[in-house]
Amino acid sequence: MSPIPQSPEGELERAEADAAALIEKGKRWFAEAREQTKRDDEDIAAWRRRHAGGYNEDGTRASFTGESDVGGGGN
C-alpha cells in the first residue's frame, strides 16, 4: 500500500477559504431568491386584486376562475 501523499503547505487554508466564500455566495443567492419570490408573490396578489373586481380594463365582464387563468393555460 502506498503512503498517503502530503498536500502542499497552505492547501488546507485555501480550501477552507474557498469553502467559506462558497457558503457566503450561497447565502447571498438564497437571500436574493427570497426577495424575488416576495416580489413575485406581491405581483401575483396585485394581479388577482385587479382582476377580482369583475371587470376588465375595457369594461367588459371578467371571468376569473383561478390558477388556470395564470400563464395562458386553461381547461
N, C-alpha and C. Protein backbone atom coordinates (compact mmCIF):
# COMPACT_ATOMS: atom_id res chain seq x y z
N MET A 1 0.84 -1.18 0.00
CA MET A 1 0.00 0.00 0.00
C MET A 1 0.89 1.24 0.00
N SER A 2 0.54 2.19 -0.82
CA SER A 2 1.37 3.38 -0.91
C SER A 2 0.99 4.38 0.17
N PRO A 3 1.94 5.17 0.62
CA PRO A 3 1.64 6.16 1.66
C PRO A 3 0.70 7.25 1.12
N ILE A 4 -0.02 7.86 2.03
CA ILE A 4 -0.93 8.96 1.67
C ILE A 4 -0.08 10.16 1.29
N PRO A 5 -0.29 10.71 0.10
CA PRO A 5 0.52 11.87 -0.29
C PRO A 5 0.22 13.08 0.59
N GLN A 6 1.23 13.81 0.88
CA GLN A 6 1.08 15.01 1.69
C GLN A 6 0.74 16.20 0.79
N SER A 7 -0.19 17.01 1.24
CA SER A 7 -0.58 18.17 0.45
C SER A 7 0.41 19.32 0.66
N PRO A 8 0.53 20.16 -0.34
CA PRO A 8 1.42 21.32 -0.22
C PRO A 8 0.98 22.24 0.92
N GLU A 9 1.94 22.95 1.43
CA GLU A 9 1.68 23.87 2.53
C GLU A 9 0.64 24.92 2.12
N GLY A 10 -0.34 25.14 2.96
CA GLY A 10 -1.34 26.17 2.70
C GLY A 10 -2.55 25.70 1.91
N GLU A 11 -2.52 24.46 1.40
CA GLU A 11 -3.65 23.99 0.59
C GLU A 11 -4.93 23.88 1.42
N LEU A 12 -4.81 23.42 2.65
CA LEU A 12 -5.96 23.31 3.53
C LEU A 12 -6.57 24.69 3.79
N GLU A 13 -5.73 25.66 4.05
CA GLU A 13 -6.22 27.02 4.31
C GLU A 13 -6.94 27.58 3.08
N ARG A 14 -6.37 27.33 1.90
CA ARG A 14 -7.01 27.80 0.67
C ARG A 14 -8.36 27.11 0.46
N ALA A 15 -8.40 25.82 0.74
CA ALA A 15 -9.65 25.07 0.59
C ALA A 15 -10.71 25.59 1.57
N GLU A 16 -10.30 25.87 2.79
CA GLU A 16 -11.24 26.42 3.78
C GLU A 16 -11.74 27.80 3.36
N ALA A 17 -10.85 28.62 2.83
CA ALA A 17 -11.25 29.95 2.36
C ALA A 17 -12.21 29.84 1.18
N ASP A 18 -11.92 28.91 0.26
CA ASP A 18 -12.82 28.70 -0.88
C ASP A 18 -14.19 28.23 -0.41
N ALA A 19 -14.21 27.32 0.56
CA ALA A 19 -15.48 26.82 1.09
C ALA A 19 -16.26 27.95 1.76
N ALA A 20 -15.58 28.78 2.53
CA ALA A 20 -16.24 29.90 3.19
C ALA A 20 -16.81 30.87 2.16
N ALA A 21 -16.06 31.11 1.09
CA ALA A 21 -16.55 32.01 0.04
C ALA A 21 -17.78 31.43 -0.64
N LEU A 22 -17.78 30.13 -0.88
CA LEU A 22 -18.95 29.49 -1.50
C LEU A 22 -20.16 29.54 -0.58
N ILE A 23 -19.94 29.36 0.71
CA ILE A 23 -21.04 29.45 1.67
C ILE A 23 -21.64 30.85 1.64
N GLU A 24 -20.80 31.88 1.65
CA GLU A 24 -21.30 33.26 1.60
C GLU A 24 -22.04 33.53 0.29
N LYS A 25 -21.51 33.03 -0.81
CA LYS A 25 -22.17 33.20 -2.10
C LYS A 25 -23.54 32.54 -2.08
N GLY A 26 -23.62 31.35 -1.49
CA GLY A 26 -24.90 30.65 -1.38
C GLY A 26 -25.89 31.42 -0.52
N LYS A 27 -25.41 31.98 0.58
CA LYS A 27 -26.29 32.78 1.45
C LYS A 27 -26.85 33.98 0.70
N ARG A 28 -25.99 34.66 -0.08
CA ARG A 28 -26.45 35.82 -0.86
C ARG A 28 -27.46 35.38 -1.91
N TRP A 29 -27.19 34.26 -2.58
CA TRP A 29 -28.08 33.77 -3.63
C TRP A 29 -29.46 33.46 -3.04
N PHE A 30 -29.50 32.77 -1.91
CA PHE A 30 -30.78 32.43 -1.29
C PHE A 30 -31.52 33.68 -0.80
N ALA A 31 -30.79 34.66 -0.28
CA ALA A 31 -31.43 35.91 0.15
C ALA A 31 -32.05 36.63 -1.05
N GLU A 32 -31.32 36.67 -2.17
CA GLU A 32 -31.86 37.29 -3.38
C GLU A 32 -33.07 36.52 -3.90
N ALA A 33 -33.02 35.20 -3.83
CA ALA A 33 -34.14 34.37 -4.29
C ALA A 33 -35.37 34.61 -3.41
N ARG A 34 -35.17 34.74 -2.09
CA ARG A 34 -36.30 35.03 -1.19
C ARG A 34 -36.93 36.37 -1.53
N GLU A 35 -36.09 37.38 -1.79
CA GLU A 35 -36.61 38.70 -2.14
C GLU A 35 -37.37 38.65 -3.47
N GLN A 36 -36.84 37.94 -4.45
CA GLN A 36 -37.52 37.83 -5.74
C GLN A 36 -38.85 37.11 -5.58
N THR A 37 -38.88 36.06 -4.77
CA THR A 37 -40.12 35.34 -4.53
C THR A 37 -41.15 36.25 -3.87
N LYS A 38 -40.69 37.07 -2.93
CA LYS A 38 -41.60 38.01 -2.27
C LYS A 38 -42.17 39.00 -3.29
N ARG A 39 -41.31 39.52 -4.17
CA ARG A 39 -41.80 40.45 -5.20
C ARG A 39 -42.77 39.76 -6.15
N ASP A 40 -42.46 38.53 -6.52
CA ASP A 40 -43.35 37.78 -7.41
C ASP A 40 -44.71 37.55 -6.75
N ASP A 41 -44.69 37.17 -5.47
CA ASP A 41 -45.95 36.95 -4.75
C ASP A 41 -46.77 38.23 -4.68
N GLU A 42 -46.09 39.37 -4.46
CA GLU A 42 -46.80 40.65 -4.42
C GLU A 42 -47.39 40.99 -5.79
N ASP A 43 -46.64 40.71 -6.86
CA ASP A 43 -47.15 40.96 -8.21
C ASP A 43 -48.37 40.09 -8.50
N ILE A 44 -48.32 38.83 -8.10
CA ILE A 44 -49.46 37.93 -8.33
C ILE A 44 -50.67 38.40 -7.54
N ALA A 45 -50.46 38.80 -6.28
CA ALA A 45 -51.56 39.28 -5.46
C ALA A 45 -52.18 40.54 -6.06
N ALA A 46 -51.35 41.44 -6.57
CA ALA A 46 -51.86 42.66 -7.20
C ALA A 46 -52.65 42.32 -8.46
N TRP A 47 -52.15 41.38 -9.25
CA TRP A 47 -52.86 40.96 -10.46
C TRP A 47 -54.22 40.38 -10.10
N ARG A 48 -54.25 39.56 -9.06
CA ARG A 48 -55.53 38.96 -8.64
C ARG A 48 -56.49 40.02 -8.13
N ARG A 49 -55.97 41.03 -7.39
CA ARG A 49 -56.85 42.10 -6.91
C ARG A 49 -57.43 42.88 -8.08
N ARG A 50 -56.60 43.16 -9.09
CA ARG A 50 -57.08 43.90 -10.26
C ARG A 50 -58.16 43.13 -11.00
N HIS A 51 -57.99 41.82 -11.10
CA HIS A 51 -58.91 41.03 -11.89
C HIS A 51 -60.07 40.46 -11.09
N ALA A 52 -60.05 40.57 -9.79
CA ALA A 52 -61.13 40.04 -8.96
C ALA A 52 -62.29 41.01 -8.88
N GLY A 53 -62.12 42.23 -9.38
CA GLY A 53 -63.18 43.22 -9.33
C GLY A 53 -64.34 42.90 -10.25
N GLY A 54 -64.15 41.99 -11.17
CA GLY A 54 -65.25 41.57 -12.02
C GLY A 54 -65.25 42.19 -13.40
N TYR A 55 -64.38 43.18 -13.66
CA TYR A 55 -64.39 43.84 -14.96
C TYR A 55 -62.97 43.96 -15.51
N ASN A 56 -62.84 43.82 -16.81
CA ASN A 56 -61.57 44.02 -17.49
C ASN A 56 -61.33 45.52 -17.66
N GLU A 57 -60.14 45.88 -18.12
CA GLU A 57 -59.82 47.29 -18.33
C GLU A 57 -60.74 47.95 -19.35
N ASP A 58 -61.26 47.17 -20.31
CA ASP A 58 -62.15 47.75 -21.33
C ASP A 58 -63.61 47.78 -20.90
N GLY A 59 -63.88 47.42 -19.63
CA GLY A 59 -65.23 47.49 -19.11
C GLY A 59 -66.05 46.23 -19.29
N THR A 60 -65.52 45.26 -19.99
CA THR A 60 -66.26 44.01 -20.16
C THR A 60 -66.15 43.17 -18.90
N ARG A 61 -67.10 42.28 -18.73
CA ARG A 61 -67.13 41.42 -17.55
C ARG A 61 -65.96 40.45 -17.58
N ALA A 62 -65.23 40.38 -16.49
CA ALA A 62 -64.08 39.47 -16.40
C ALA A 62 -64.53 38.15 -15.78
N SER A 63 -63.88 37.09 -16.18
CA SER A 63 -64.13 35.82 -15.51
C SER A 63 -62.81 35.31 -14.98
N PHE A 64 -62.73 35.25 -13.69
CA PHE A 64 -61.52 34.77 -13.05
C PHE A 64 -61.85 33.43 -12.43
N THR A 65 -61.20 32.39 -12.92
CA THR A 65 -61.51 31.05 -12.43
C THR A 65 -60.37 30.47 -11.61
N GLY A 66 -59.35 31.24 -11.35
CA GLY A 66 -58.27 30.75 -10.50
C GLY A 66 -56.99 30.52 -11.26
N GLU A 67 -56.25 29.54 -10.82
CA GLU A 67 -54.91 29.30 -11.35
C GLU A 67 -54.88 28.99 -12.84
N SER A 68 -55.95 28.45 -13.39
CA SER A 68 -55.91 28.11 -14.82
C SER A 68 -55.79 29.34 -15.70
N ASP A 69 -56.13 30.52 -15.16
CA ASP A 69 -56.00 31.75 -15.94
C ASP A 69 -54.56 32.25 -15.97
N VAL A 70 -53.75 31.80 -15.05
CA VAL A 70 -52.38 32.26 -14.95
C VAL A 70 -51.52 31.49 -15.94
N GLY A 71 -50.72 32.20 -16.72
CA GLY A 71 -49.77 31.56 -17.60
C GLY A 71 -50.33 31.05 -18.90
N GLY A 72 -51.52 31.45 -19.24
CA GLY A 72 -52.07 31.08 -20.54
C GLY A 72 -52.66 29.69 -20.60
N GLY A 73 -52.62 28.95 -19.51
CA GLY A 73 -53.21 27.61 -19.50
C GLY A 73 -54.71 27.71 -19.38
N GLY A 74 -55.35 26.62 -19.30
CA GLY A 74 -56.79 26.66 -19.12
C GLY A 74 -57.38 25.28 -19.21
N ASN A 75 -58.66 25.24 -18.97
CA ASN A 75 -59.35 23.94 -19.03
C ASN A 75 -60.07 23.78 -20.34
